[in-house]
């Protein structure tokens, strides 16, 4: 599994909203783009995806911007990453449609192991609280 640039920037964006002071205030997208050297058009697309997934909310107009939806203490790393890729696939064996394209699907000795590991990683991502994850990042 490799985190895409889009997912990486999404983590940076959500971390910036989590660090906003006072907590829960709306933050202008352009200021986050400047502060973290992120391309604003790409960040807009990321913010839109996160809004659709219910991770962030937006307020238009004066004093508008973005903020986290819901309680920050309940937000998980899986919810943020899941906005872009709903399921982790460590191997092609892990995908639900792999049986259609793999001639070894029924006899593969490692398929079930990969599927089990994929399910465990997906579960674990949804258990990791975003706040705890961010604390591990360098300041």
Protein backbone atom coordinates (compact mmCIF):
# COMPACT_ATOMS: atom_id res chain seq x y z
CA UNK A 1 0.00 0.00 0.00
CA UNK A 2 1.33 3.38 -0.94
CA UNK A 3 -0.27 6.60 0.21
CA UNK A 4 -0.91 8.81 -2.82
CA UNK A 5 0.12 12.45 -2.97
CA UNK A 6 -3.59 13.33 -2.79
CA UNK A 7 -4.00 11.33 0.45
CA UNK A 8 -0.79 12.80 1.86
CA UNK A 9 -1.98 16.35 1.18
CA UNK A 10 -5.38 15.45 2.65
CA UNK A 11 -3.66 14.42 5.89
CA UNK A 12 -1.77 17.74 5.92
CA UNK A 13 -5.00 19.65 5.26
CA UNK A 14 -6.94 17.88 7.99
CA UNK A 15 -4.01 18.32 10.42
CA UNK A 16 -4.02 22.06 9.68
CA UNK A 17 -7.73 22.23 10.47
CA UNK A 18 -7.18 20.25 13.66
CA UNK A 19 -4.50 22.74 14.76
CA UNK A 20 -6.71 25.79 14.03
CA UNK A 21 -7.12 28.15 16.96
CA UNK A 22 -9.59 28.67 18.37
CA UNK A 23 -10.72 25.07 17.78
CA UNK A 24 -13.51 24.74 15.24
CA UNK A 25 -12.89 28.03 13.50
CA UNK A 26 -13.16 28.20 9.74
CA UNK A 27 -9.81 28.37 7.96
CA UNK A 28 -9.27 29.84 4.50
CA UNK A 29 -8.03 27.24 2.06
CA UNK A 30 -5.52 29.63 0.45
CA UNK A 31 -3.82 30.22 3.81
CA UNK A 32 -3.33 26.48 4.30
CA UNK A 33 -1.98 26.16 0.76
CA UNK A 34 0.52 28.97 1.42
CA UNK A 35 1.57 27.73 4.84
CA UNK A 36 2.22 24.15 3.71
CA UNK A 37 3.31 24.92 0.12
CA UNK A 38 0.45 22.96 -1.42
CA UNK A 39 -0.97 23.75 -4.89
CA UNK A 40 -4.27 25.54 -4.28
CA UNK A 41 -6.22 23.99 -7.22
CA UNK A 42 -5.23 20.49 -6.07
CA UNK A 43 -6.09 21.36 -2.46
CA UNK A 44 -9.54 22.54 -3.61
CA UNK A 45 -10.19 19.10 -5.16
CA UNK A 46 -9.00 17.39 -1.98
CA UNK A 47 -11.21 19.62 0.17
CA UNK A 48 -14.19 18.85 -2.05
CA UNK A 49 -13.62 15.10 -1.71
CA UNK A 50 -13.30 15.42 2.08
CA UNK A 51 -16.48 17.52 2.19
CA UNK A 52 -18.38 14.84 0.25
CA UNK A 53 -17.08 12.21 2.69
CA UNK A 54 -18.26 14.30 5.66
CA UNK A 55 -14.77 14.93 7.04
CA UNK A 56 -14.88 18.71 6.58
CA UNK A 57 -17.55 21.34 6.27
CA UNK A 58 -17.41 24.59 4.35
CA UNK A 59 -18.85 28.03 4.99
CA UNK A 60 -19.09 30.49 2.11
CA UNK A 61 -18.55 34.23 2.30
CA UNK A 62 -16.99 36.52 4.86
CA UNK A 63 -15.45 34.63 7.79
CA UNK A 64 -15.89 31.46 5.75
CA UNK A 65 -13.54 28.64 5.02
CA UNK A 66 -13.16 25.02 6.06
CA UNK A 67 -13.30 23.22 9.37
CA UNK A 68 -13.62 19.68 10.58
CA UNK A 69 -17.10 18.20 10.66
CA UNK A 70 -18.15 16.47 13.82
CA UNK A 71 -15.96 15.94 16.83
CA UNK A 72 -12.21 15.97 16.12
CA UNK A 73 -11.68 13.36 18.83
CA UNK A 74 -13.78 10.86 16.84
CA UNK A 75 -12.02 11.39 13.51
CA UNK A 76 -9.94 8.42 12.38
CA UNK A 77 -7.12 8.07 9.90
CA UNK A 78 -9.28 5.56 8.04
CA UNK A 79 -12.08 8.08 7.55
CA UNK A 80 -9.65 10.58 5.99
CA UNK A 81 -7.94 8.02 3.75
CA UNK A 82 -11.24 6.27 3.02
CA UNK A 83 -12.52 9.43 1.35
CA UNK A 84 -10.09 8.65 -1.48
CA UNK A 85 -9.82 4.84 -1.37
CA UNK A 86 -12.65 3.13 0.51
CA UNK A 87 -10.70 -0.11 0.81
CA UNK A 88 -7.04 -1.01 1.15
CA UNK A 89 -5.70 -3.49 -1.40
CA UNK A 90 -2.29 -4.91 -0.55
CA UNK A 91 -2.42 -7.25 -3.53
CA UNK A 92 -4.77 -7.87 -6.41
CA UNK A 93 -5.94 -10.95 -4.48
CA UNK A 94 -7.58 -8.61 -2.00
CA UNK A 95 -9.98 -7.06 -4.47
CA UNK A 96 -13.48 -8.50 -4.71
CA UNK A 97 -13.34 -8.93 -8.48
CA UNK A 98 -9.95 -10.64 -8.62
CA UNK A 99 -11.53 -14.10 -9.01
CA UNK A 100 -12.69 -13.03 -12.47
CA UNK A 101 -9.20 -12.18 -13.73
CA UNK A 102 -6.82 -14.55 -11.93
CA UNK A 103 -6.47 -18.15 -13.04
CA UNK A 104 -4.79 -19.03 -9.72
CA UNK A 105 -7.52 -17.57 -7.54
CA UNK A 106 -8.96 -20.92 -6.36
CA UNK A 107 -5.59 -22.60 -5.79
CA UNK A 108 -3.40 -19.73 -4.61
CA UNK A 109 -1.74 -20.64 -1.29
CA UNK A 110 -1.39 -17.03 -0.11
CA UNK A 111 -4.71 -15.50 -1.25
CA UNK A 112 -6.53 -16.00 2.05
CA UNK A 113 -3.56 -14.68 4.02
CA UNK A 114 -3.43 -11.52 1.90
CA UNK A 115 -7.19 -11.03 2.20
CA UNK A 116 -7.02 -11.42 5.99
CA UNK A 117 -4.14 -8.99 6.29
CA UNK A 118 -5.95 -6.49 4.08
CA UNK A 119 -9.07 -6.70 6.27
CA UNK A 120 -6.98 -6.23 9.43
CA UNK A 121 -5.17 -3.19 8.02
CA UNK A 122 -8.44 -1.62 6.92
CA UNK A 123 -9.94 -2.18 10.40
CA UNK A 124 -6.83 -0.78 12.06
CA UNK A 125 -6.86 2.39 9.94
CA UNK A 126 -10.40 3.06 11.18
CA UNK A 127 -9.26 2.54 14.78
CA UNK A 128 -6.36 4.99 14.68
CA UNK A 129 -7.56 8.34 15.97
CA UNK A 130 -6.38 11.15 13.72
CA UNK A 131 -5.21 13.22 16.72
CA UNK A 132 -2.97 10.37 17.89
CA UNK A 133 -1.58 9.92 14.38
CA UNK A 134 -0.76 13.63 14.08
CA UNK A 135 1.08 13.65 17.42
CA UNK A 136 3.56 11.22 15.88
CA UNK A 137 4.41 13.55 13.00
CA UNK A 138 7.43 15.89 13.28
CA UNK A 139 6.41 19.47 14.05
